[in-house]
PDB file of N, CA and C in Angstrom:
ATOM      1  N   MET A   1     139.418  85.938 144.391  1.00  0.00           N
ATOM      2  CA  MET A   1     138.023  86.503 144.450  1.00  0.00           C
ATOM      3  C   MET A   1     136.891  85.345 144.491  1.00  0.00           C
ATOM      4  N   THR A   2     137.107  84.349 143.561  1.00  0.00           N
ATOM      5  CA  THR A   2     136.162  83.282 143.407  1.00  0.00           C
ATOM      6  C   THR A   2     135.948  82.547 144.700  1.00  0.00           C
ATOM      7  N   VAL A   3     137.144  82.199 145.366  1.00  0.00           N
ATOM      8  CA  VAL A   3     137.047  81.308 146.651  1.00  0.00           C
ATOM      9  C   VAL A   3     136.428  82.228 147.675  1.00  0.00           C
ATOM     10  N   ILE A   4     136.561  83.430 147.668  1.00  0.00           N
ATOM     11  CA  ILE A   4     136.028  84.382 148.713  1.00  0.00           C
ATOM     12  C   ILE A   4     134.469  84.403 148.478  1.00  0.00           C
ATOM     13  N   GLY A   5     134.141  84.497 147.132  1.00  0.00           N
ATOM     14  CA  GLY A   5     132.633  84.583 146.838  1.00  0.00           C
ATOM     15  C   GLY A   5     132.017  83.225 147.192  1.00  0.00           C
ATOM     16  N   LEU A   6     132.576  82.255 146.920  1.00  0.00           N
ATOM     17  CA  LEU A   6     132.077  80.966 147.291  1.00  0.00           C
ATOM     18  C   LEU A   6     132.062  80.645 148.798  1.00  0.00           C
ATOM     19  N   LEU A   7     132.824  81.080 149.495  1.00  0.00           N
ATOM     20  CA  LEU A   7     132.837  81.042 151.025  1.00  0.00           C
ATOM     21  C   LEU A   7     131.783  81.916 151.526  1.00  0.00           C
ATOM     22  N   LEU A   8     131.613  83.092 150.987  1.00  0.00           N
ATOM     23  CA  LEU A   8     130.733  84.033 151.427  1.00  0.00           C
ATOM     24  C   LEU A   8     129.245  83.483 151.227  1.00  0.00           C
ATOM     25  N   THR A   9     129.059  82.824 150.135  1.00  0.00           N
ATOM     26  CA  THR A   9     127.876  82.222 149.770  1.00  0.00           C
ATOM     27  C   THR A   9     127.439  81.136 150.743  1.00  0.00           C
ATOM     28  N   LEU A  10     128.559  80.334 151.153  1.00  0.00           N
ATOM     29  CA  LEU A  10     128.330  79.355 152.234  1.00  0.00           C
ATOM     30  C   LEU A  10     127.908  79.895 153.525  1.00  0.00           C
ATOM     31  N   VAL A  11     128.452  81.068 153.932  1.00  0.00           N
ATOM     32  CA  VAL A  11     128.157  81.700 155.110  1.00  0.00           C
ATOM     33  C   VAL A  11     126.671  82.109 155.162  1.00  0.00           C
ATOM     34  N   ILE A  12     126.309  82.675 154.024  1.00  0.00           N
ATOM     35  CA  ILE A  12     124.962  83.188 153.851  1.00  0.00           C
ATOM     36  C   ILE A  12     123.934  81.994 153.944  1.00  0.00           C
ATOM     37  N   ILE A  13     124.349  80.896 153.232  1.00  0.00           N
ATOM     38  CA  ILE A  13     123.345  79.750 153.366  1.00  0.00           C
ATOM     39  C   ILE A  13     123.371  79.182 154.748  1.00  0.00           C
ATOM     40  N   PHE A  14     124.528  79.057 155.358  1.00  0.00           N
ATOM     41  CA  PHE A  14     124.541  78.451 156.715  1.00  0.00           C
ATOM     42  C   PHE A  14     123.815  79.457 157.684  1.00  0.00           C
ATOM     43  N   SER A  15     123.821  80.752 157.538  1.00  0.00           N
ATOM     44  CA  SER A  15     123.142  81.567 158.436  1.00  0.00           C
ATOM     45  C   SER A  15     121.722  81.450 158.275  1.00  0.00           C
ATOM     46  N   MET A  16     121.300  81.280 157.067  1.00  0.00           N
ATOM     47  CA  MET A  16     119.768  81.139 156.871  1.00  0.00           C
ATOM     48  C   MET A  16     119.252  79.789 157.403  1.00  0.00           C
ATOM     49  N   GLN A  17     119.953  78.815 157.524  1.00  0.00           N
ATOM     50  CA  GLN A  17     119.504  77.534 157.990  1.00  0.00           C
ATOM     51  C   GLN A  17     120.190  77.175 159.338  1.00  0.00           C
ATOM     52  N   ALA A  18     120.729  78.050 160.052  1.00  0.00           N
ATOM     53  CA  ALA A  18     121.480  77.855 161.260  1.00  0.00           C
ATOM     54  C   ALA A  18     120.679  77.104 162.316  1.00  0.00           C
ATOM     55  N   ASP A  19     119.457  77.493 162.566  1.00  0.00           N
ATOM     56  CA  ASP A  19     118.700  76.755 163.611  1.00  0.00           C
ATOM     57  C   ASP A  19     118.406  75.380 163.261  1.00  0.00           C
ATOM     58  N   LEU A  20     118.173  75.098 161.967  1.00  0.00           N
ATOM     59  CA  LEU A  20     117.815  73.753 161.503  1.00  0.00           C
ATOM     60  C   LEU A  20     119.092  72.893 161.634  1.00  0.00           C
ATOM     61  N   ILE A  21     120.317  73.504 161.314  1.00  0.00           N
ATOM     62  CA  ILE A  21     121.563  72.751 161.421  1.00  0.00           C
ATOM     63  C   ILE A  21     121.996  72.495 162.936  1.00  0.00           C
ATOM     64  N   TRP A  22     121.912  73.518 163.698  1.00  0.00           N
ATOM     65  CA  TRP A  22     122.262  73.363 165.092  1.00  0.00           C
ATOM     66  C   TRP A  22     121.324  72.392 165.854  1.00  0.00           C
ATOM     67  N   ASN A  23     120.101  72.266 165.493  1.00  0.00           N
ATOM     68  CA  ASN A  23     119.190  71.388 166.218  1.00  0.00           C
ATOM     69  C   ASN A  23     119.240  69.888 165.789  1.00  0.00           C
ATOM     70  N   ASN A  24     119.917  69.628 164.774  1.00  0.00           N
ATOM     71  CA  ASN A  24     120.071  68.320 164.124  1.00  0.00           C
ATOM     72  C   ASN A  24     121.490  67.837 163.901  1.00  0.00           C
ATOM     73  N   PRO A  25     122.270  67.844 164.957  1.00  0.00           N
ATOM     74  CA  PRO A  25     123.795  67.440 164.766  1.00  0.00           C
ATOM     75  C   PRO A  25     123.924  66.014 164.299  1.00  0.00           C
ATOM     76  N   LEU A  26     123.128  65.079 164.806  1.00  0.00           N
ATOM     77  CA  LEU A  26     123.311  63.648 164.401  1.00  0.00           C
ATOM     78  C   LEU A  26     122.933  63.594 162.916  1.00  0.00           C
ATOM     79  N   HIS A  27     121.867  64.202 162.448  1.00  0.00           N
ATOM     80  CA  HIS A  27     121.528  64.264 161.067  1.00  0.00           C
ATOM     81  C   HIS A  27     122.537  64.705 160.137  1.00  0.00           C
ATOM     82  N   ILE A  28     123.267  65.720 160.725  1.00  0.00           N
ATOM     83  CA  ILE A  28     124.135  66.503 159.874  1.00  0.00           C
ATOM     84  C   ILE A  28     125.283  65.426 159.616  1.00  0.00           C
ATOM     85  N   LEU A  29     125.761  64.783 160.722  1.00  0.00           N
ATOM     86  CA  LEU A  29     126.898  63.687 160.604  1.00  0.00           C
ATOM     87  C   LEU A  29     126.432  62.658 159.665  1.00  0.00           C
ATOM     88  N   LEU A  30     125.203  62.186 159.851  1.00  0.00           N
ATOM     89  CA  LEU A  30     124.729  61.061 159.008  1.00  0.00           C
ATOM     90  C   LEU A  30     124.705  61.411 157.436  1.00  0.00           C
ATOM     91  N   ILE A  31     124.512  62.647 157.168  1.00  0.00           N
ATOM     92  CA  ILE A  31     124.461  63.099 155.798  1.00  0.00           C
ATOM     93  C   ILE A  31     125.942  63.498 155.420  1.00  0.00           C
ATOM     94  N   ALA A  32     126.632  64.080 156.182  1.00  0.00           N
ATOM     95  CA  ALA A  32     127.997  64.619 155.708  1.00  0.00           C
ATOM     96  C   ALA A  32     129.063  63.594 155.595  1.00  0.00           C
ATOM     97  N   ILE A  33     129.094  62.625 156.551  1.00  0.00           N
ATOM     98  CA  ILE A  33     130.278  61.704 156.623  1.00  0.00           C
ATOM     99  C   ILE A  33     130.182  60.790 155.223  1.00  0.00           C
ATOM    100  N   PRO A  34     128.958  60.188 154.916  1.00  0.00           N
ATOM    101  CA  PRO A  34     128.981  59.441 153.628  1.00  0.00           C
ATOM    102  C   PRO A  34     129.362  60.286 152.396  1.00  0.00           C
ATOM    103  N   LEU A  35     128.778  61.518 152.387  1.00  0.00           N
ATOM    104  CA  LEU A  35     129.079  62.461 151.281  1.00  0.00           C
ATOM    105  C   LEU A  35     130.598  62.695 151.118  1.00  0.00           C
ATOM    106  N   ILE A  36     131.246  62.934 152.274  1.00  0.00           N
ATOM    107  CA  ILE A  36     132.786  63.153 152.165  1.00  0.00           C
ATOM    108  C   ILE A  36     133.501  62.001 151.669  1.00  0.00           C
ATOM    109  N   ILE A  37     133.151  60.792 152.190  1.00  0.00           N
ATOM    110  CA  ILE A  37     133.766  59.500 151.737  1.00  0.00           C
ATOM    111  C   ILE A  37     133.530  59.291 150.221  1.00  0.00           C
ATOM    112  N   GLN A  38     132.240  59.507 149.834  1.00  0.00           N
ATOM    113  CA  GLN A  38     131.832  59.428 148.447  1.00  0.00           C
ATOM    114  C   GLN A  38     132.605  60.254 147.464  1.00  0.00           C
ATOM    115  N   THR A  39     132.728  61.451 147.794  1.00  0.00           N
ATOM    116  CA  THR A  39     133.440  62.444 147.115  1.00  0.00           C
ATOM    117  C   THR A  39     134.903  62.224 146.852  1.00  0.00           C
ATOM    118  N   PHE A  40     135.540  61.872 147.956  1.00  0.00           N
ATOM    119  CA  PHE A  40     137.018  61.491 147.842  1.00  0.00           C
ATOM    120  C   PHE A  40     137.162  60.250 147.020  1.00  0.00           C
ATOM    121  N   ILE A  41     136.315  59.216 147.278  1.00  0.00           N
ATOM    122  CA  ILE A  41     136.521  57.953 146.359  1.00  0.00           C
ATOM    123  C   ILE A  41     136.219  58.065 144.956  1.00  0.00           C
ATOM    124  N   ILE A  42     135.225  58.828 144.688  1.00  0.00           N
ATOM    125  CA  ILE A  42     134.829  59.120 143.227  1.00  0.00           C
ATOM    126  C   ILE A  42     135.972  59.912 142.572  1.00  0.00           C
ATOM    127  N   PHE A  43     136.552  60.959 143.290  1.00  0.00           N
ATOM    128  CA  PHE A  43     137.502  61.847 142.694  1.00  0.00           C
ATOM    129  C   PHE A  43     138.732  60.996 142.368  1.00  0.00           C
ATOM    130  N   PHE A  44     139.210  60.179 143.382  1.00  0.00           N
ATOM    131  CA  PHE A  44     140.442  59.471 143.203  1.00  0.00           C
ATOM    132  C   PHE A  44     140.330  58.222 142.238  1.00  0.00           C
ATOM    133  N   VAL A  45     139.168  57.634 142.115  1.00  0.00           N
ATOM    134  CA  VAL A  45     139.022  56.601 141.124  1.00  0.00           C
ATOM    135  C   VAL A  45     139.057  57.233 139.754  1.00  0.00           C
ATOM    136  N   THR A  46     138.301  58.301 139.584  1.00  0.00           N
ATOM    137  CA  THR A  46     138.339  58.939 138.186  1.00  0.00           C
ATOM    138  C   THR A  46     139.729  59.495 137.826  1.00  0.00           C
ATOM    139  N   TYR A  47     140.330  60.296 138.783  1.00  0.00           N
ATOM    140  CA  TYR A  47     141.638  60.935 138.636  1.00  0.00           C
ATOM    141  C   TYR A  47     142.623  59.911 138.363  1.00  0.00           C
ATOM    142  N   GLY A  48     142.636  58.786 139.123  1.00  0.00           N
ATOM    143  CA  GLY A  48     143.634  57.673 139.040  1.00  0.00           C
ATOM    144  C   GLY A  48     143.403  56.866 137.596  1.00  0.00           C
ATOM    145  N   ALA A  49     142.136  56.598 137.313  1.00  0.00           N
ATOM    146  CA  ALA A  49     141.892  56.020 136.004  1.00  0.00           C
ATOM    147  C   ALA A  49     142.468  56.912 134.895  1.00  0.00           C
ATOM    148  N   CYS A  50     142.289  58.127 134.943  1.00  0.00           N
ATOM    149  CA  CYS A  50     142.737  58.968 133.821  1.00  0.00           C
ATOM    150  C   CYS A  50     144.412  58.905 133.828  1.00  0.00           C
ATOM    151  N   LYS A  51     144.943  58.812 135.012  1.00  0.00           N
ATOM    152  CA  LYS A  51     146.361  58.711 134.998  1.00  0.00           C
ATOM    153  C   LYS A  51     146.854  57.303 134.429  1.00  0.00           C
ATOM    154  N   VAL A  52     146.145  56.331 134.728  1.00  0.00           N
ATOM    155  CA  VAL A  52     146.443  54.929 134.156  1.00  0.00           C
ATOM    156  C   VAL A  52     146.307  54.844 132.686  1.00  0.00           C
ATOM    157  N   ILE A  53     145.506  55.485 132.191  1.00  0.00           N
ATOM    158  CA  ILE A  53     145.089  55.663 130.647  1.00  0.00           C
ATOM    159  C   ILE A  53     145.856  56.706 130.049  1.00  0.00           C
ATOM    160  N   LYS A  54     146.692  57.267 130.747  1.00  0.00           N
ATOM    161  CA  LYS A  54     147.697  58.391 130.326  1.00  0.00           C
ATOM    162  C   LYS A  54     147.086  59.684 129.575  1.00  0.00           C
ATOM    163  N   LEU A  55     145.955  60.029 130.299  1.00  0.00           N
ATOM    164  CA  LEU A  55     145.277  61.278 129.820  1.00  0.00           C
ATOM    165  C   LEU A  55     146.115  62.457 130.527  1.00  0.00           C
ATOM    166  N   PRO A  56     146.142  63.594 129.833  1.00  0.00           N
ATOM    167  CA  PRO A  56     146.852  64.719 130.441  1.00  0.00           C
ATOM    168  C   PRO A  56     146.049  65.402 131.570  1.00  0.00           C
ATOM    169  N   PHE A  57     146.860  65.972 132.448  1.00  0.00           N
ATOM    170  CA  PHE A  57     146.366  66.581 133.676  1.00  0.00           C
ATOM    171  C   PHE A  57     145.147  67.552 133.455  1.00  0.00           C
ATOM    172  N   ASN A  58     145.170  68.299 132.318  1.00  0.00           N
ATOM    173  CA  ASN A  58     144.107  69.173 131.917  1.00  0.00           C
ATOM    174  C   ASN A  58     142.776  68.533 131.596  1.00  0.00           C
ATOM    175  N   ILE A  59     142.782  67.318 131.342  1.00  0.00           N
ATOM    176  CA  ILE A  59     141.613  66.620 131.235  1.00  0.00           C
ATOM    177  C   ILE A  59     141.323  65.682 132.476  1.00  0.00           C
ATOM    178  N   SER A  60     142.286  65.229 133.119  1.00  0.00           N
ATOM    179  CA  SER A  60     142.138  64.326 134.300  1.00  0.00           C
ATOM    180  C   SER A  60     141.612  64.965 135.603  1.00  0.00           C
ATOM    181  N   ALA A  61     142.085  66.202 135.789  1.00  0.00           N
ATOM    182  CA  ALA A  61     141.579  66.881 137.030  1.00  0.00           C
ATOM    183  C   ALA A  61     140.049  67.212 136.801  1.00  0.00           C
ATOM    184  N   PRO A  62     139.779  67.892 135.719  1.00  0.00           N
ATOM    185  CA  PRO A  62     138.337  68.215 135.550  1.00  0.00           C
ATOM    186  C   PRO A  62     137.358  66.883 135.493  1.00  0.00           C
ATOM    187  N   ALA A  63     137.859  65.838 135.013  1.00  0.00           N
ATOM    188  CA  ALA A  63     137.125  64.684 134.972  1.00  0.00           C
ATOM    189  C   ALA A  63     136.866  64.294 136.358  1.00  0.00           C
ATOM    190  N   GLY A  64     137.835  64.302 137.219  1.00  0.00           N
ATOM    191  CA  GLY A  64     137.644  63.952 138.580  1.00  0.00           C
ATOM    192  C   GLY A  64     136.728  64.662 139.378  1.00  0.00           C
ATOM    193  N   PHE A  65     136.826  66.066 139.061  1.00  0.00           N
ATOM    194  CA  PHE A  65     135.871  66.937 139.753  1.00  0.00           C
ATOM    195  C   PHE A  65     134.457  66.857 139.302  1.00  0.00           C
ATOM    196  N   VAL A  66     134.204  66.602 137.948  1.00  0.00           N
ATOM    197  CA  VAL A  66     132.863  66.475 137.479  1.00  0.00           C
ATOM    198  C   VAL A  66     132.220  65.146 138.027  1.00  0.00           C
ATOM    199  N   GLY A  67     132.993  64.133 137.998  1.00  0.00           N
ATOM    200  CA  GLY A  67     132.554  62.862 138.512  1.00  0.00           C
ATOM    201  C   GLY A  67     132.203  62.986 139.902  1.00  0.00           C
ATOM    202  N   ALA A  68     133.090  63.700 140.745  1.00  0.00           N
ATOM    203  CA  ALA A  68     132.704  63.797 142.268  1.00  0.00           C
ATOM    204  C   ALA A  68     131.704  64.797 142.652  1.00  0.00           C
ATOM    205  N   SER A  69     131.363  65.664 141.705  1.00  0.00           N
ATOM    206  CA  SER A  69     130.440  66.681 142.044  1.00  0.00           C
ATOM    207  C   SER A  69     129.058  66.185 142.186  1.00  0.00           C
ATOM    208  N   ASN A  70     128.328  66.727 143.046  1.00  0.00           N
ATOM    209  CA  ASN A  70     126.952  66.321 143.459  1.00  0.00           C
ATOM    210  C   ASN A  70     125.928  67.381 142.914  1.00  0.00           C
ATOM    211  N   PHE A  71     126.317  68.430 142.515  1.00  0.00           N
ATOM    212  CA  PHE A  71     125.439  69.561 142.074  1.00  0.00           C
ATOM    213  C   PHE A  71     124.399  69.940 143.077  1.00  0.00           C
ATOM    214  N   PHE A  72     124.821  70.045 144.317  1.00  0.00           N
ATOM    215  CA  PHE A  72     123.914  70.416 145.395  1.00  0.00           C
ATOM    216  C   PHE A  72     123.382  71.877 145.139  1.00  0.00           C
ATOM    217  N   GLU A  73     123.947  72.713 144.396  1.00  0.00           N
ATOM    218  CA  GLU A  73     123.468  74.063 144.232  1.00  0.00           C
ATOM    219  C   GLU A  73     122.007  73.960 143.568  1.00  0.00           C
ATOM    220  N   LEU A  74     122.009  72.945 142.564  1.00  0.00           N
ATOM    221  CA  LEU A  74     120.688  72.879 141.965  1.00  0.00           C
ATOM    222  C   LEU A  74     119.693  72.114 142.911  1.00  0.00           C
ATOM    223  N   ALA A  75     120.159  71.216 143.741  1.00  0.00           N
ATOM    224  CA  ALA A  75     119.344  70.593 144.697  1.00  0.00           C
ATOM    225  C   ALA A  75     118.888  71.422 145.545  1.00  0.00           C
ATOM    226  N   VAL A  76     119.476  72.533 146.054  1.00  0.00           N
ATOM    227  CA  VAL A  76     119.009  73.591 146.999  1.00  0.00           C
ATOM    228  C   VAL A  76     117.931  74.360 146.311  1.00  0.00           C
ATOM    229  N   ALA A  77     118.038  74.696 145.109  1.00  0.00           N
ATOM    230  CA  ALA A  77     117.078  75.538 144.313  1.00  0.00           C
ATOM    231  C   ALA A  77     115.835  74.569 144.259  1.00  0.00           C
ATOM    232  N   VAL A  78     115.882  73.504 143.887  1.00  0.00           N
ATOM    233  CA  VAL A  78     114.798  72.556 143.756  1.00  0.00           C
ATOM    234  C   VAL A  78     114.032  72.242 145.003  1.00  0.00           C
ATOM    235  N   ALA A  79     114.850  71.982 146.093  1.00  0.00           N
ATOM    236  CA  ALA A  79     114.238  71.754 147.407  1.00  0.00           C
ATOM    237  C   ALA A  79     113.438  72.938 147.959  1.00  0.00           C
ATOM    238  N   ILE A  80     114.049  74.116 147.663  1.00  0.00           N
ATOM    239  CA  ILE A  80     113.305  75.299 148.155  1.00  0.00           C
ATOM    240  C   ILE A  80     112.067  75.567 147.412  1.00  0.00           C
ATOM    241  N   ALA A  81     112.092  75.288 146.026  1.00  0.00           N
ATOM    242  CA  ALA A  81     111.055  75.564 145.169  1.00  0.00           C
ATOM    243  C   ALA A  81     109.801  74.489 145.476  1.00  0.00           C
ATOM    244  N   LEU A  82     110.170  73.308 145.702  1.00  0.00           N
ATOM    245  CA  LEU A  82     109.227  72.270 145.759  1.00  0.00           C
ATOM    246  C   LEU A  82     108.734  71.935 147.197  1.00  0.00           C
ATOM    247  N   PHE A  83     109.759  72.047 148.205  1.00  0.00           N
ATOM    248  CA  PHE A  83     109.419  71.797 149.464  1.00  0.00           C
ATOM    249  C   PHE A  83     109.613  72.870 150.559  1.00  0.00           C
ATOM    250  N   PRO A  84     109.074  74.114 150.195  1.00  0.00           N
ATOM    251  CA  PRO A  84     109.282  75.291 151.161  1.00  0.00           C
ATOM    252  C   PRO A  84     109.163  75.068 152.507  1.00  0.00           C
ATOM    253  N   MET A  85     108.117  74.242 152.782  1.00  0.00           N
ATOM    254  CA  MET A  85     107.642  74.055 154.218  1.00  0.00           C
ATOM    255  C   MET A  85     108.224  72.742 154.972  1.00  0.00           C
ATOM    256  N   ASN A  86     109.081  72.091 154.212  1.00  0.00           N
ATOM    257  CA  ASN A  86     109.765  70.884 154.761  1.00  0.00           C
ATOM    258  C   ASN A  86     111.167  71.057 155.042  1.00  0.00           C
ATOM    259  N   PRO A  87     111.579  71.350 156.263  1.00  0.00           N
ATOM    260  CA  PRO A  87     112.893  71.608 156.652  1.00  0.00           C
ATOM    261  C   PRO A  87     113.858  70.451 156.491  1.00  0.00           C
ATOM    262  N   GLY A  88     113.248  69.226 156.464  1.00  0.00           N
ATOM    263  CA  GLY A  88     114.258  68.158 156.291  1.00  0.00           C
ATOM    264  C   GLY A  88     114.828  68.053 154.956  1.00  0.00           C
ATOM    265  N   VAL A  89     114.092  68.452 153.984  1.00  0.00           N
ATOM    266  CA  VAL A  89     114.602  68.351 152.503  1.00  0.00           C
ATOM    267  C   VAL A  89     115.678  69.532 152.400  1.00  0.00           C
ATOM    268  N   ALA A  90     115.395  70.592 152.994  1.00  0.00           N
ATOM    269  CA  ALA A  90     116.414  71.731 152.927  1.00  0.00           C
ATOM    270  C   ALA A  90     117.717  71.422 153.648  1.00  0.00           C
ATOM    271  N   LEU A  91     117.423  70.739 154.727  1.00  0.00           N
ATOM    272  CA  LEU A  91     118.619  70.314 155.575  1.00  0.00           C
ATOM    273  C   LEU A  91     119.465  69.368 154.729  1.00  0.00           C
ATOM    274  N   ALA A  92     119.129  68.426 154.075  1.00  0.00           N
ATOM    275  CA  ALA A  92     119.789  67.490 153.289  1.00  0.00           C
ATOM    276  C   ALA A  92     120.632  68.303 152.184  1.00  0.00           C
ATOM    277  N   THR A  93     120.093  69.243 151.574  1.00  0.00           N
ATOM    278  CA  THR A  93     120.651  69.844 150.456  1.00  0.00           C
ATOM    279  C   THR A  93     121.738  70.879 150.981  1.00  0.00           C
ATOM    280  N   ILE A  94     121.435  71.507 152.064  1.00  0.00           N
ATOM    281  CA  ILE A  94     122.294  72.532 152.688  1.00  0.00           C
ATOM    282  C   ILE A  94     123.552  71.751 153.239  1.00  0.00           C
ATOM    283  N   VAL A  95     123.406  70.666 153.891  1.00  0.00           N
ATOM    284  CA  VAL A  95     124.530  69.875 154.358  1.00  0.00           C
ATOM    285  C   VAL A  95     125.404  69.488 153.181  1.00  0.00           C
ATOM    286  N   GLY A  96     124.809  69.164 151.980  1.00  0.00           N
ATOM    287  CA  GLY A  96     125.506  68.824 150.848  1.00  0.00           C
ATOM    288  C   GLY A  96     126.275  69.933 150.379  1.00  0.00           C
ATOM    289  N   VAL A  97     125.852  71.055 150.275  1.00  0.00           N
ATOM    290  CA  VAL A  97     126.676  72.193 149.865  1.00  0.00           C
ATOM    291  C   VAL A  97     127.770  72.555 150.885  1.00  0.00           C
ATOM    292  N   LEU A  98     127.319  72.483 152.103  1.00  0.00           N
ATOM    293  CA  LEU A  98     128.400  72.964 153.073  1.00  0.00           C
ATOM    294  C   LEU A  98     129.554  71.810 153.232  1.00  0.00           C
ATOM    295  N   THR A  99     129.228  70.592 152.893  1.00  0.00           N
ATOM    296  CA  THR A  99     130.164  69.566 152.797  1.00  0.00           C
ATOM    297  C   THR A  99     130.993  69.479 151.565  1.00  0.00           C
ATOM    298  N   GLU A 100     130.311  69.661 150.488  1.00  0.00           N
ATOM    299  CA  GLU A 100     130.960  69.479 149.212  1.00  0.00           C
ATOM    300  C   GLU A 100     131.977  70.589 148.817  1.00  0.00           C
ATOM    301  N   VAL A 101     131.635  71.755 149.140  1.00  0.00           N
ATOM    302  CA  VAL A 101     132.623  72.875 148.828  1.00  0.00           C
ATOM    303  C   VAL A 101     133.872  72.829 149.504  1.00  0.00           C
ATOM    304  N   PRO A 102     133.941  72.656 150.766  1.00  0.00           N
ATOM    305  CA  PRO A 102     135.317  72.531 151.346  1.00  0.00           C
ATOM    306  C   PRO A 102     136.058  71.297 150.942  1.00  0.00           C
ATOM    307  N   VAL A 103     135.387  70.005 150.613  1.00  0.00           N
ATOM    308  CA  VAL A 103     135.973  68.931 150.091  1.00  0.00           C
ATOM    309  C   VAL A 103     136.494  69.209 148.742  1.00  0.00           C
ATOM    310  N   MET A 104     135.758  69.682 147.892  1.00  0.00           N
ATOM    311  CA  MET A 104     136.221  70.048 146.579  1.00  0.00           C
ATOM    312  C   MET A 104     137.468  70.960 146.644  1.00  0.00           C
ATOM    313  N   LEU A 105     137.466  72.041 147.453  1.00  0.00           N
ATOM    314  CA  LEU A 105     138.650  72.869 147.503  1.00  0.00           C
ATOM    315  C   LEU A 105     139.852  72.048 148.028  1.00  0.00           C
ATOM    316  N   ILE A 106     139.731  71.045 149.031  1.00  0.00           N
ATOM    317  CA  ILE A 106     140.692  70.325 149.365  1.00  0.00           C
ATOM    318  C   ILE A 106     141.307  69.316 148.052  1.00  0.00           C
ATOM    319  N   LEU A 107     140.270  68.897 147.350  1.00  0.00           N
ATOM    320  CA  LEU A 107     140.799  68.001 146.186  1.00  0.00           C
ATOM    321  C   LEU A 107     141.308  68.940 144.996  1.00  0.00           C
ATOM    322  N   VAL A 108     141.013  70.219 144.936  1.00  0.00           N
ATOM    323  CA  VAL A 108     141.720  71.120 144.063  1.00  0.00           C
ATOM    324  C   VAL A 108     143.204  71.237 144.502  1.00  0.00           C
ATOM    325  N   ARG A 109     143.413  71.416 145.763  1.00  0.00           N
ATOM    326  CA  ARG A 109     144.782  71.472 146.325  1.00  0.00           C
ATOM    327  C   ARG A 109     145.606  70.245 146.072  1.00  0.00           C
ATOM    328  N   ILE A 110     144.916  69.087 146.250  1.00  0.00           N
ATOM    329  CA  ILE A 110     145.635  67.846 145.923  1.00  0.00           C
ATOM    330  C   ILE A 110     145.955  67.702 144.517  1.00  0.00           C
ATOM    331  N   ALA A 111     144.992  67.925 143.571  1.00  0.00           N
ATOM    332  CA  ALA A 111     145.193  67.889 142.225  1.00  0.00           C
ATOM    333  C   ALA A 111     146.420  68.732 141.787  1.00  0.00           C
ATOM    334  N   ASN A 112     146.286  70.014 142.207  1.00  0.00           N
ATOM    335  CA  ASN A 112     147.425  70.882 141.931  1.00  0.00           C
ATOM    336  C   ASN A 112     148.804  70.398 142.302  1.00  0.00           C
ATOM    337  N   LYS A 113     148.864  69.809 143.489  1.00  0.00           N
ATOM    338  CA  LYS A 113     150.008  69.324 144.123  1.00  0.00           C
ATOM    339  C   LYS A 113     150.512  67.956 143.435  1.00  0.00           C
ATOM    340  N   THR A 114     149.731  67.339 142.761  1.00  0.00           N
ATOM    341  CA  THR A 114     150.042  66.088 142.068  1.00  0.00           C
ATOM    342  C   THR A 114     150.088  66.295 140.417  1.00  0.00           C
ATOM    343  N   GLN A 115     149.847  67.428 140.089  1.00  0.00           N
ATOM    344  CA  GLN A 115     149.830  67.819 138.683  1.00  0.00           C
ATOM    345  C   GLN A 115     151.334  67.261 138.007  1.00  0.00           C
ATOM    346  N   HIS A 116     152.451  67.360 138.687  1.00  0.00           N
ATOM    347  CA  HIS A 116     153.769  66.888 138.058  1.00  0.00           C
ATOM    348  C   HIS A 116     153.635  65.410 137.743  1.00  0.00           C
ATOM    349  N   CYS A 117     152.748  64.629 138.288  1.00  0.00           N
ATOM    350  CA  CYS A 117     152.764  63.255 138.044  1.00  0.00           C
ATOM    351  C   CYS A 117     152.288  62.881 136.583  1.00  0.00           C
ATOM    352  N   PHE A 118     151.549  63.864 136.058  1.00  0.00           N
ATOM    353  CA  PHE A 118     150.974  63.729 134.746  1.00  0.00           C
ATOM    354  C   PHE A 118     151.921  64.292 133.720  1.00  0.00           C
ATOM    355  N   ASN A 119     152.910  64.864 134.055  1.00  0.00           N
ATOM    356  CA  ASN A 119     153.776  65.434 132.990  1.00  0.00           C
ATOM    357  C   ASN A 119     154.881  64.457 132.722  1.00  0.00           C
ATOM    358  N   LYS A 120     154.982  63.111 133.120  1.00  0.00           N
ATOM    359  CA  LYS A 120     155.933  62.365 132.928  1.00  0.00           C
ATOM    360  C   LYS A 120     155.771  61.538 131.558  1.00  0.00           C
TER     361      LYS A 120
END
């Protein structure tokens, strides 16, 4: 249910900003690609460091996710409250949410599949 609720939220956000997103594909790529790379790098550095110092999985995985999270949900709220008439600010935060959520879901899958590496 949580994943369905999360994806439904993304659909609602996407539909509310659809014109802005469709009219700025290059901007979307310029925002999304570095965010994706950054999220993966920070997660794997943190997750790997936890493995090296022999922390258990139940500490390592959350540490990786907290480190890699960009808290775009807060950024969306702030952007809408402070810059309601500036679509560029909203675009950056919306792209962040639309990028971060699927990437984090992929990282959850990777963490769950590598959990056995921490039980040695």
